[in-house]
Amino acid sequence: MYSLACRSDVSPSIIKLLMYEKGQKMALRGYAFLEIAGAKMNKGNFEPDISKIKFESPLEIGDSRHWGRFENANDFKTKPKIFLEYSRNKWLEFINKDQFQQF
């Protein structure tokens, strides 16, 4: 798992979790979760797969509803189910480790 970030603002990092099997790459891509402005995450009922959530209004770029979620798990569709389960657990373990620190 790695993250890409610009630290000149408080936007969440872009997160990419990679898994390889026999040279084939599988990835989850999304955003870290920032606990700012009252946003809190309850990992007990947090769904990280944004495709499984029904929103009342459309998502926009920079929308905080993206925070902590990955866009899709298409790379895992033809792989053993345990690969996605493991990746989801790792995702949940690391998505809130991006708390912004003032320089």
PDB file of N, CA and C in Angstrom:
ATOM      1  N   MET A   1       0.849  -1.163   0.000  1.00  0.00           N
ATOM      2  CA  MET A   1       0.000   0.000   0.000  1.00  0.00           C
ATOM      3  C   MET A   1       0.891   1.222   0.000  1.00  0.00           C
ATOM      4  N   TYR A   2       0.513   2.197  -0.809  1.00  0.00           N
ATOM      5  CA  TYR A   2       1.242   3.452  -0.772  1.00  0.00           C
ATOM      6  C   TYR A   2       0.267   4.598  -0.953  1.00  0.00           C
ATOM      7  N   SER A   3       0.739   5.794  -0.655  1.00  0.00           N
ATOM      8  CA  SER A   3      -0.111   6.961  -0.776  1.00  0.00           C
ATOM      9  C   SER A   3       0.620   8.070  -1.524  1.00  0.00           C
ATOM     10  N   LEU A   4      -0.164   8.887  -2.198  1.00  0.00           N
ATOM     11  CA  LEU A   4       0.326  10.061  -2.902  1.00  0.00           C
ATOM     12  C   LEU A   4      -0.384  11.266  -2.303  1.00  0.00           C
ATOM     13  N   ALA A   5       0.389  12.293  -1.957  1.00  0.00           N
ATOM     14  CA  ALA A   5      -0.240  13.446  -1.328  1.00  0.00           C
ATOM     15  C   ALA A   5       0.519  14.720  -1.621  1.00  0.00           C
ATOM     16  N   CYS A   6      -0.202  15.797  -1.643  1.00  0.00           N
ATOM     17  CA  CYS A   6       0.367  17.126  -1.665  1.00  0.00           C
ATOM     18  C   CYS A   6       0.147  17.684  -0.266  1.00  0.00           C
ATOM     19  N   ARG A   7       1.161  18.008   0.437  1.00  0.00           N
ATOM     20  CA  ARG A   7       1.018  18.461   1.817  1.00  0.00           C
ATOM     21  C   ARG A   7       0.924  19.971   1.941  1.00  0.00           C
ATOM     22  N   SER A   8       0.560  20.654   0.830  1.00  0.00           N
ATOM     23  CA  SER A   8       0.336  22.096   0.925  1.00  0.00           C
ATOM     24  C   SER A   8      -1.119  22.397   1.289  1.00  0.00           C
ATOM     25  N   ASP A   9      -1.937  21.352   1.412  1.00  0.00           N
ATOM     26  CA  ASP A   9      -3.316  21.504   1.880  1.00  0.00           C
ATOM     27  C   ASP A   9      -3.682  20.278   2.714  1.00  0.00           C
ATOM     28  N   VAL A  10      -4.921  20.217   3.149  1.00  0.00           N
ATOM     29  CA  VAL A  10      -5.327  19.119   4.032  1.00  0.00           C
ATOM     30  C   VAL A  10      -6.150  18.047   3.322  1.00  0.00           C
ATOM     31  N   SER A  11      -6.091  18.009   2.004  1.00  0.00           N
ATOM     32  CA  SER A  11      -6.821  16.971   1.265  1.00  0.00           C
ATOM     33  C   SER A  11      -6.290  15.591   1.633  1.00  0.00           C
ATOM     34  N   PRO A  12      -7.156  14.580   1.594  1.00  0.00           N
ATOM     35  CA  PRO A  12      -6.682  13.225   1.908  1.00  0.00           C
ATOM     36  C   PRO A  12      -5.755  12.694   0.828  1.00  0.00           C
ATOM     37  N   SER A  13      -4.851  11.840   1.226  1.00  0.00           N
ATOM     38  CA  SER A  13      -3.938  11.191   0.278  1.00  0.00           C
ATOM     39  C   SER A  13      -4.711  10.259  -0.642  1.00  0.00           C
ATOM     40  N   ILE A  14      -4.184  10.083  -1.828  1.00  0.00           N
ATOM     41  CA  ILE A  14      -4.680   9.042  -2.729  1.00  0.00           C
ATOM     42  C   ILE A  14      -3.986   7.763  -2.282  1.00  0.00           C
ATOM     43  N   ILE A  15      -4.763   6.705  -2.093  1.00  0.00           N
ATOM     44  CA  ILE A  15      -4.233   5.442  -1.593  1.00  0.00           C
ATOM     45  C   ILE A  15      -4.324   4.386  -2.687  1.00  0.00           C
ATOM     46  N   LYS A  16      -3.306   3.567  -2.767  1.00  0.00           N
ATOM     47  CA  LYS A  16      -3.319   2.441  -3.697  1.00  0.00           C
ATOM     48  C   LYS A  16      -2.779   1.223  -2.959  1.00  0.00           C
ATOM     49  N   LEU A  17      -3.590   0.187  -2.879  1.00  0.00           N
ATOM     50  CA  LEU A  17      -3.182  -1.071  -2.263  1.00  0.00           C
ATOM     51  C   LEU A  17      -3.010  -2.084  -3.381  1.00  0.00           C
ATOM     52  N   LEU A  18      -1.826  -2.671  -3.471  1.00  0.00           N
ATOM     53  CA  LEU A  18      -1.519  -3.623  -4.538  1.00  0.00           C
ATOM     54  C   LEU A  18      -1.325  -5.022  -3.986  1.00  0.00           C
ATOM     55  N   MET A  19      -1.751  -5.990  -4.774  1.00  0.00           N
ATOM     56  CA  MET A  19      -1.521  -7.398  -4.466  1.00  0.00           C
ATOM     57  C   MET A  19      -1.167  -8.068  -5.784  1.00  0.00           C
ATOM     58  N   TYR A  20      -0.203  -8.959  -5.736  1.00  0.00           N
ATOM     59  CA  TYR A  20       0.220  -9.681  -6.938  1.00  0.00           C
ATOM     60  C   TYR A  20       0.081 -11.180  -6.726  1.00  0.00           C
ATOM     61  N   GLU A  21      -0.337 -11.858  -7.787  1.00  0.00           N
ATOM     62  CA  GLU A  21      -0.336 -13.316  -7.799  1.00  0.00           C
ATOM     63  C   GLU A  21       0.151 -13.753  -9.175  1.00  0.00           C
ATOM     64  N   LYS A  22       1.250 -14.485  -9.193  1.00  0.00           N
ATOM     65  CA  LYS A  22       1.816 -14.995 -10.444  1.00  0.00           C
ATOM     66  C   LYS A  22       1.949 -13.896 -11.500  1.00  0.00           C
ATOM     67  N   GLY A  23       2.437 -12.741 -11.074  1.00  0.00           N
ATOM     68  CA  GLY A  23       2.671 -11.633 -11.983  1.00  0.00           C
ATOM     69  C   GLY A  23       1.454 -10.815 -12.351  1.00  0.00           C
ATOM     70  N   GLN A  24       0.275 -11.202 -11.863  1.00  0.00           N
ATOM     71  CA  GLN A  24      -0.941 -10.437 -12.147  1.00  0.00           C
ATOM     72  C   GLN A  24      -1.233  -9.495 -10.981  1.00  0.00           C
ATOM     73  N   LYS A  25      -1.428  -8.221 -11.328  1.00  0.00           N
ATOM     74  CA  LYS A  25      -1.665  -7.190 -10.324  1.00  0.00           C
ATOM     75  C   LYS A  25      -3.151  -7.037 -10.032  1.00  0.00           C
ATOM     76  N   MET A  26      -3.458  -6.882  -8.758  1.00  0.00           N
ATOM     77  CA  MET A  26      -4.798  -6.532  -8.306  1.00  0.00           C
ATOM     78  C   MET A  26      -4.631  -5.281  -7.449  1.00  0.00           C
ATOM     79  N   ALA A  27      -5.546  -4.333  -7.562  1.00  0.00           N
ATOM     80  CA  ALA A  27      -5.389  -3.086  -6.817  1.00  0.00           C
ATOM     81  C   ALA A  27      -6.723  -2.549  -6.326  1.00  0.00           C
ATOM     82  N   LEU A  28      -6.665  -1.917  -5.174  1.00  0.00           N
ATOM     83  CA  LEU A  28      -7.763  -1.100  -4.666  1.00  0.00           C
ATOM     84  C   LEU A  28      -7.236   0.330  -4.697  1.00  0.00           C
ATOM     85  N   ARG A  29      -8.031   1.254  -5.239  1.00  0.00           N
ATOM     86  CA  ARG A  29      -7.618   2.646  -5.351  1.00  0.00           C
ATOM     87  C   ARG A  29      -8.685   3.542  -4.757  1.00  0.00           C
ATOM     88  N   GLY A  30      -8.237   4.507  -3.960  1.00  0.00           N
ATOM     89  CA  GLY A  30      -9.187   5.421  -3.358  1.00  0.00           C
ATOM     90  C   GLY A  30      -8.489   6.490  -2.545  1.00  0.00           C
ATOM     91  N   TYR A  31      -9.104   6.864  -1.420  1.00  0.00           N
ATOM     92  CA  TYR A  31      -8.613   7.972  -0.612  1.00  0.00           C
ATOM     93  C   TYR A  31      -8.487   7.584   0.861  1.00  0.00           C
ATOM     94  N   ALA A  32      -7.542   8.225   1.516  1.00  0.00           N
ATOM     95  CA  ALA A  32      -7.411   8.074   2.960  1.00  0.00           C
ATOM     96  C   ALA A  32      -8.593   8.764   3.632  1.00  0.00           C
ATOM     97  N   PHE A  33      -8.786   8.500   4.909  1.00  0.00           N
ATOM     98  CA  PHE A  33      -9.836   9.148   5.681  1.00  0.00           C
ATOM     99  C   PHE A  33      -9.192  10.171   6.601  1.00  0.00           C
ATOM    100  N   LEU A  34      -9.690  11.401   6.556  1.00  0.00           N
ATOM    101  CA  LEU A  34      -9.175  12.448   7.434  1.00  0.00           C
ATOM    102  C   LEU A  34     -10.200  12.753   8.518  1.00  0.00           C
ATOM    103  N   GLU A  35      -9.767  12.722   9.746  1.00  0.00           N
ATOM    104  CA  GLU A  35     -10.657  13.071  10.852  1.00  0.00           C
ATOM    105  C   GLU A  35     -10.486  14.551  11.158  1.00  0.00           C
ATOM    106  N   ILE A  36     -11.118  15.364  10.297  1.00  0.00           N
ATOM    107  CA  ILE A  36     -11.100  16.814  10.475  1.00  0.00           C
ATOM    108  C   ILE A  36     -12.519  17.333  10.360  1.00  0.00           C
ATOM    109  N   ALA A  37     -12.730  18.538  10.837  1.00  0.00           N
ATOM    110  CA  ALA A  37     -14.033  19.204  10.729  1.00  0.00           C
ATOM    111  C   ALA A  37     -15.174  18.310  11.198  1.00  0.00           C
ATOM    112  N   GLY A  38     -14.955  17.565  12.263  1.00  0.00           N
ATOM    113  CA  GLY A  38     -16.001  16.738  12.837  1.00  0.00           C
ATOM    114  C   GLY A  38     -16.219  15.402  12.161  1.00  0.00           C
ATOM    115  N   ALA A  39     -15.478  15.100  11.104  1.00  0.00           N
ATOM    116  CA  ALA A  39     -15.630  13.814  10.414  1.00  0.00           C
ATOM    117  C   ALA A  39     -14.983  12.722  11.256  1.00  0.00           C
ATOM    118  N   LYS A  40     -15.768  11.731  11.610  1.00  0.00           N
ATOM    119  CA  LYS A  40     -15.272  10.590  12.389  1.00  0.00           C
ATOM    120  C   LYS A  40     -15.653   9.310  11.661  1.00  0.00           C
ATOM    121  N   MET A  41     -14.813   8.301  11.808  1.00  0.00           N
ATOM    122  CA  MET A  41     -15.091   7.026  11.159  1.00  0.00           C
ATOM    123  C   MET A  41     -15.301   5.958  12.223  1.00  0.00           C
ATOM    124  N   ASN A  42     -16.373   5.207  12.076  1.00  0.00           N
ATOM    125  CA  ASN A  42     -16.641   4.070  12.931  1.00  0.00           C
ATOM    126  C   ASN A  42     -16.342   2.825  12.102  1.00  0.00           C
ATOM    127  N   LYS A  43     -15.196   2.188  12.343  1.00  0.00           N
ATOM    128  CA  LYS A  43     -14.796   1.034  11.529  1.00  0.00           C
ATOM    129  C   LYS A  43     -15.753  -0.141  11.667  1.00  0.00           C
ATOM    130  N   GLY A  44     -16.551  -0.173  12.717  1.00  0.00           N
ATOM    131  CA  GLY A  44     -17.489  -1.267  12.915  1.00  0.00           C
ATOM    132  C   GLY A  44     -18.562  -1.337  11.849  1.00  0.00           C
ATOM    133  N   ASN A  45     -18.970  -0.185  11.308  1.00  0.00           N
ATOM    134  CA  ASN A  45     -20.014  -0.203  10.283  1.00  0.00           C
ATOM    135  C   ASN A  45     -19.629   0.621   9.050  1.00  0.00           C
ATOM    136  N   PHE A  46     -18.353   0.833   8.834  1.00  0.00           N
ATOM    137  CA  PHE A  46     -17.866   1.614   7.703  1.00  0.00           C
ATOM    138  C   PHE A  46     -17.705   0.710   6.480  1.00  0.00           C
ATOM    139  N   GLU A  47     -18.329   1.084   5.370  1.00  0.00           N
ATOM    140  CA  GLU A  47     -18.203   0.322   4.119  1.00  0.00           C
ATOM    141  C   GLU A  47     -17.164   1.010   3.235  1.00  0.00           C
ATOM    142  N   PRO A  48     -16.001   0.374   3.019  1.00  0.00           N
ATOM    143  CA  PRO A  48     -14.960   1.014   2.230  1.00  0.00           C
ATOM    144  C   PRO A  48     -15.172   0.949   0.713  1.00  0.00           C
ATOM    145  N   ASP A  49     -16.042   0.075   0.232  1.00  0.00           N
ATOM    146  CA  ASP A  49     -16.277  -0.057  -1.204  1.00  0.00           C
ATOM    147  C   ASP A  49     -17.383   0.912  -1.605  1.00  0.00           C
ATOM    148  N   ILE A  50     -16.992   2.001  -2.263  1.00  0.00           N
ATOM    149  CA  ILE A  50     -17.953   3.053  -2.598  1.00  0.00           C
ATOM    150  C   ILE A  50     -19.042   2.573  -3.557  1.00  0.00           C
ATOM    151  N   SER A  51     -18.773   1.532  -4.325  1.00  0.00           N
ATOM    152  CA  SER A  51     -19.769   1.015  -5.266  1.00  0.00           C
ATOM    153  C   SER A  51     -20.934   0.326  -4.551  1.00  0.00           C
ATOM    154  N   LYS A  52     -20.782   0.015  -3.278  1.00  0.00           N
ATOM    155  CA  LYS A  52     -21.840  -0.651  -2.516  1.00  0.00           C
ATOM    156  C   LYS A  52     -22.721   0.320  -1.735  1.00  0.00           C
ATOM    157  N   ILE A  53     -22.485   1.626  -1.908  1.00  0.00           N
ATOM    158  CA  ILE A  53     -23.222   2.633  -1.153  1.00  0.00           C
ATOM    159  C   ILE A  53     -24.138   3.413  -2.089  1.00  0.00           C
ATOM    160  N   LYS A  54     -25.364   3.594  -1.654  1.00  0.00           N
ATOM    161  CA  LYS A  54     -26.335   4.391  -2.404  1.00  0.00           C
ATOM    162  C   LYS A  54     -26.366   5.784  -1.778  1.00  0.00           C
ATOM    163  N   PHE A  55     -25.983   6.790  -2.563  1.00  0.00           N
ATOM    164  CA  PHE A  55     -25.993   8.168  -2.089  1.00  0.00           C
ATOM    165  C   PHE A  55     -27.208   8.890  -2.657  1.00  0.00           C
ATOM    166  N   GLU A  56     -27.761   9.805  -1.867  1.00  0.00           N
ATOM    167  CA  GLU A  56     -28.926  10.557  -2.324  1.00  0.00           C
ATOM    168  C   GLU A  56     -28.567  11.597  -3.373  1.00  0.00           C
ATOM    169  N   SER A  57     -27.342  12.097  -3.329  1.00  0.00           N
ATOM    170  CA  SER A  57     -26.908  13.075  -4.320  1.00  0.00           C
ATOM    171  C   SER A  57     -25.632  12.571  -4.991  1.00  0.00           C
ATOM    172  N   PRO A  58     -25.350  13.026  -6.199  1.00  0.00           N
ATOM    173  CA  PRO A  58     -24.157  12.546  -6.915  1.00  0.00           C
ATOM    174  C   PRO A  58     -22.870  12.941  -6.189  1.00  0.00           C
ATOM    175  N   LEU A  59     -21.860  12.101  -6.336  1.00  0.00           N
ATOM    176  CA  LEU A  59     -20.550  12.400  -5.775  1.00  0.00           C
ATOM    177  C   LEU A  59     -19.826  13.384  -6.678  1.00  0.00           C
ATOM    178  N   GLU A  60     -19.108  14.304  -6.062  1.00  0.00           N
ATOM    179  CA  GLU A  60     -18.308  15.266  -6.806  1.00  0.00           C
ATOM    180  C   GLU A  60     -16.848  15.086  -6.428  1.00  0.00           C
ATOM    181  N   ILE A  61     -15.950  15.583  -7.274  1.00  0.00           N
ATOM    182  CA  ILE A  61     -14.524  15.527  -6.975  1.00  0.00           C
ATOM    183  C   ILE A  61     -14.270  16.283  -5.670  1.00  0.00           C
ATOM    184  N   GLY A  62     -13.515  15.666  -4.788  1.00  0.00           N
ATOM    185  CA  GLY A  62     -13.208  16.274  -3.502  1.00  0.00           C
ATOM    186  C   GLY A  62     -14.267  16.049  -2.427  1.00  0.00           C
ATOM    187  N   ASP A  63     -15.351  15.390  -2.779  1.00  0.00           N
ATOM    188  CA  ASP A  63     -16.439  15.111  -1.841  1.00  0.00           C
ATOM    189  C   ASP A  63     -15.923  14.247  -0.689  1.00  0.00           C
ATOM    190  N   SER A  64     -16.199  14.638   0.534  1.00  0.00           N
ATOM    191  CA  SER A  64     -15.698  13.888   1.697  1.00  0.00           C
ATOM    192  C   SER A  64     -16.304  12.493   1.802  1.00  0.00           C
ATOM    193  N   ARG A  65     -17.354  12.195   1.053  1.00  0.00           N
ATOM    194  CA  ARG A  65     -17.920  10.845   1.066  1.00  0.00           C
ATOM    195  C   ARG A  65     -16.988   9.836   0.404  1.00  0.00           C
ATOM    196  N   HIS A  66     -15.995  10.323  -0.338  1.00  0.00           N
ATOM    197  CA  HIS A  66     -14.958   9.455  -0.906  1.00  0.00           C
ATOM    198  C   HIS A  66     -13.952   9.019   0.156  1.00  0.00           C
ATOM    199  N   TRP A  67     -13.818   9.801   1.205  1.00  0.00           N
ATOM    200  CA  TRP A  67     -12.768   9.585   2.197  1.00  0.00           C
ATOM    201  C   TRP A  67     -12.841   8.176   2.781  1.00  0.00           C
ATOM    202  N   GLY A  68     -11.717   7.489   2.745  1.00  0.00           N
ATOM    203  CA  GLY A  68     -11.620   6.154   3.314  1.00  0.00           C
ATOM    204  C   GLY A  68     -12.143   5.046   2.429  1.00  0.00           C
ATOM    205  N   ARG A  69     -12.558   5.393   1.226  1.00  0.00           N
ATOM    206  CA  ARG A  69     -13.189   4.393   0.363  1.00  0.00           C
ATOM    207  C   ARG A  69     -12.387   4.153  -0.906  1.00  0.00           C
ATOM    208  N   PHE A  70     -12.490   2.931  -1.419  1.00  0.00           N
ATOM    209  CA  PHE A  70     -11.887   2.612  -2.705  1.00  0.00           C
ATOM    210  C   PHE A  70     -12.964   2.614  -3.772  1.00  0.00           C
ATOM    211  N   GLU A  71     -12.534   2.879  -5.015  1.00  0.00           N
ATOM    212  CA  GLU A  71     -13.461   3.047  -6.129  1.00  0.00           C
ATOM    213  C   GLU A  71     -14.089   1.744  -6.601  1.00  0.00           C
ATOM    214  N   ASN A  72     -13.302   0.707  -6.747  1.00  0.00           N
ATOM    215  CA  ASN A  72     -13.865  -0.566  -7.207  1.00  0.00           C
ATOM    216  C   ASN A  72     -12.908  -1.696  -6.872  1.00  0.00           C
ATOM    217  N   ALA A  73     -13.402  -2.883  -6.998  1.00  0.00           N
ATOM    218  CA  ALA A  73     -12.598  -4.078  -6.736  1.00  0.00           C
ATOM    219  C   ALA A  73     -12.601  -4.981  -7.968  1.00  0.00           C
ATOM    220  N   ASN A  74     -12.693  -4.384  -9.144  1.00  0.00           N
ATOM    221  CA  ASN A  74     -12.794  -5.154 -10.388  1.00  0.00           C
ATOM    222  C   ASN A  74     -11.626  -6.104 -10.599  1.00  0.00           C
ATOM    223  N   ASP A  75     -10.427  -5.709 -10.174  1.00  0.00           N
ATOM    224  CA  ASP A  75      -9.255  -6.571 -10.367  1.00  0.00           C
ATOM    225  C   ASP A  75      -9.376  -7.896  -9.622  1.00  0.00           C
ATOM    226  N   PHE A  76     -10.264  -7.955  -8.645  1.00  0.00           N
ATOM    227  CA  PHE A  76     -10.403  -9.144  -7.802  1.00  0.00           C
ATOM    228  C   PHE A  76     -11.536 -10.070  -8.248  1.00  0.00           C
ATOM    229  N   LYS A  77     -12.289  -9.689  -9.255  1.00  0.00           N
ATOM    230  CA  LYS A  77     -13.475 -10.452  -9.655  1.00  0.00           C
ATOM    231  C   LYS A  77     -13.197 -11.908  -9.999  1.00  0.00           C
ATOM    232  N   THR A  78     -12.076 -12.179 -10.642  1.00  0.00           N
ATOM    233  CA  THR A  78     -11.780 -13.548 -11.068  1.00  0.00           C
ATOM    234  C   THR A  78     -10.797 -14.252 -10.127  1.00  0.00           C
ATOM    235  N   LYS A  79     -10.520 -13.649  -9.003  1.00  0.00           N
ATOM    236  CA  LYS A  79      -9.546 -14.189  -8.042  1.00  0.00           C
ATOM    237  C   LYS A  79     -10.271 -14.829  -6.864  1.00  0.00           C
ATOM    238  N   PRO A  80      -9.569 -15.629  -6.074  1.00  0.00           N
ATOM    239  CA  PRO A  80     -10.195 -16.201  -4.874  1.00  0.00           C
ATOM    240  C   PRO A  80     -10.727 -15.104  -3.944  1.00  0.00           C
ATOM    241  N   LYS A  81     -11.877 -15.350  -3.368  1.00  0.00           N
ATOM    242  CA  LYS A  81     -12.559 -14.384  -2.507  1.00  0.00           C
ATOM    243  C   LYS A  81     -11.674 -13.894  -1.357  1.00  0.00           C
ATOM    244  N   ILE A  82     -10.814 -14.752  -0.864  1.00  0.00           N
ATOM    245  CA  ILE A  82      -9.957 -14.411   0.274  1.00  0.00           C
ATOM    246  C   ILE A  82      -9.006 -13.264  -0.058  1.00  0.00           C
ATOM    247  N   PHE A  83      -8.645 -13.105  -1.337  1.00  0.00           N
ATOM    248  CA  PHE A  83      -7.749 -12.012  -1.734  1.00  0.00           C
ATOM    249  C   PHE A  83      -8.411 -10.657  -1.463  1.00  0.00           C
ATOM    250  N   LEU A  84      -9.673 -10.516  -1.854  1.00  0.00           N
ATOM    251  CA  LEU A  84     -10.381  -9.261  -1.622  1.00  0.00           C
ATOM    252  C   LEU A  84     -10.636  -9.057  -0.134  1.00  0.00           C
ATOM    253  N   GLU A  85     -10.996 -10.100   0.586  1.00  0.00           N
ATOM    254  CA  GLU A  85     -11.216  -9.981   2.030  1.00  0.00           C
ATOM    255  C   GLU A  85      -9.952  -9.489   2.737  1.00  0.00           C
ATOM    256  N   TYR A  86      -8.823 -10.066   2.387  1.00  0.00           N
ATOM    257  CA  TYR A  86      -7.547  -9.662   2.980  1.00  0.00           C
ATOM    258  C   TYR A  86      -7.233  -8.203   2.639  1.00  0.00           C
ATOM    259  N   SER A  87      -7.426  -7.840   1.377  1.00  0.00           N
ATOM    260  CA  SER A  87      -7.143  -6.472   0.938  1.00  0.00           C
ATOM    261  C   SER A  87      -8.056  -5.461   1.621  1.00  0.00           C
ATOM    262  N   ARG A  88      -9.338  -5.796   1.759  1.00  0.00           N
ATOM    263  CA  ARG A  88     -10.278  -4.900   2.470  1.00  0.00           C
ATOM    264  C   ARG A  88      -9.836  -4.685   3.919  1.00  0.00           C
ATOM    265  N   ASN A  89      -9.414  -5.760   4.584  1.00  0.00           N
ATOM    266  CA  ASN A  89      -8.964  -5.638   5.971  1.00  0.00           C
ATOM    267  C   ASN A  89      -7.728  -4.758   6.077  1.00  0.00           C
ATOM    268  N   LYS A  90      -6.784  -4.921   5.151  1.00  0.00           N
ATOM    269  CA  LYS A  90      -5.590  -4.074   5.138  1.00  0.00           C
ATOM    270  C   LYS A  90      -5.970  -2.624   4.852  1.00  0.00           C
ATOM    271  N   TRP A  91      -6.917  -2.435   3.934  1.00  0.00           N
ATOM    272  CA  TRP A  91      -7.393  -1.088   3.616  1.00  0.00           C
ATOM    273  C   TRP A  91      -7.915  -0.412   4.881  1.00  0.00           C
ATOM    274  N   LEU A  92      -8.800  -1.100   5.595  1.00  0.00           N
ATOM    275  CA  LEU A  92      -9.378  -0.537   6.815  1.00  0.00           C
ATOM    276  C   LEU A  92      -8.322  -0.279   7.888  1.00  0.00           C
ATOM    277  N   GLU A  93      -7.284  -1.082   7.899  1.00  0.00           N
ATOM    278  CA  GLU A  93      -6.214  -0.912   8.883  1.00  0.00           C
ATOM    279  C   GLU A  93      -5.423   0.375   8.645  1.00  0.00           C
ATOM    280  N   PHE A  94      -5.255   0.766   7.397  1.00  0.00           N
ATOM    281  CA  PHE A  94      -4.359   1.875   7.079  1.00  0.00           C
ATOM    282  C   PHE A  94      -5.004   3.171   6.600  1.00  0.00           C
ATOM    283  N   ILE A  95      -6.291   3.205   6.301  1.00  0.00           N
ATOM    284  CA  ILE A  95      -6.856   4.394   5.674  1.00  0.00           C
ATOM    285  C   ILE A  95      -6.911   5.630   6.554  1.00  0.00           C
ATOM    286  N   ASN A  96      -6.849   5.485   7.853  1.00  0.00           N
ATOM    287  CA  ASN A  96      -6.899   6.691   8.685  1.00  0.00           C
ATOM    288  C   ASN A  96      -5.536   7.039   9.287  1.00  0.00           C
ATOM    289  N   LYS A  97      -4.470   6.547   8.708  1.00  0.00           N
ATOM    290  CA  LYS A  97      -3.124   6.869   9.180  1.00  0.00           C
ATOM    291  C   LYS A  97      -2.557   8.083   8.453  1.00  0.00           C
ATOM    292  N   ASP A  98      -3.405   8.871   7.823  1.00  0.00           N
ATOM    293  CA  ASP A  98      -2.982  10.009   7.010  1.00  0.00           C
ATOM    294  C   ASP A  98      -3.343  11.339   7.668  1.00  0.00           C
ATOM    295  N   GLN A  99      -3.423  11.375   8.967  1.00  0.00           N
ATOM    296  CA  GLN A  99      -3.843  12.610   9.614  1.00  0.00           C
ATOM    297  C   GLN A  99      -2.835  13.723   9.349  1.00  0.00           C
ATOM    298  N   PHE A 100      -3.329  14.855   8.911  1.00  0.00           N
ATOM    299  CA  PHE A 100      -2.475  15.963   8.515  1.00  0.00           C
ATOM    300  C   PHE A 100      -1.751  16.536   9.728  1.00  0.00           C
ATOM    301  N   GLN A 101      -0.463  16.742   9.536  1.00  0.00           N
ATOM    302  CA  GLN A 101       0.367  17.358  10.575  1.00  0.00           C
ATOM    303  C   GLN A 101       0.847  18.704  10.042  1.00  0.00           C
ATOM    304  N   GLN A 102       0.691  19.743  10.830  1.00  0.00           N
ATOM    305  CA  GLN A 102       1.176  21.063  10.429  1.00  0.00           C
ATOM    306  C   GLN A 102       2.683  21.051  10.357  1.00  0.00           C
ATOM    307  N   PHE A 103       3.254  21.630   9.319  1.00  0.00           N
ATOM    308  CA  PHE A 103       4.715  21.657   9.153  1.00  0.00           C
ATOM    309  C   PHE A 103       5.364  22.612  10.137  1.00  0.00           C
TER     310      PHE A 103
END
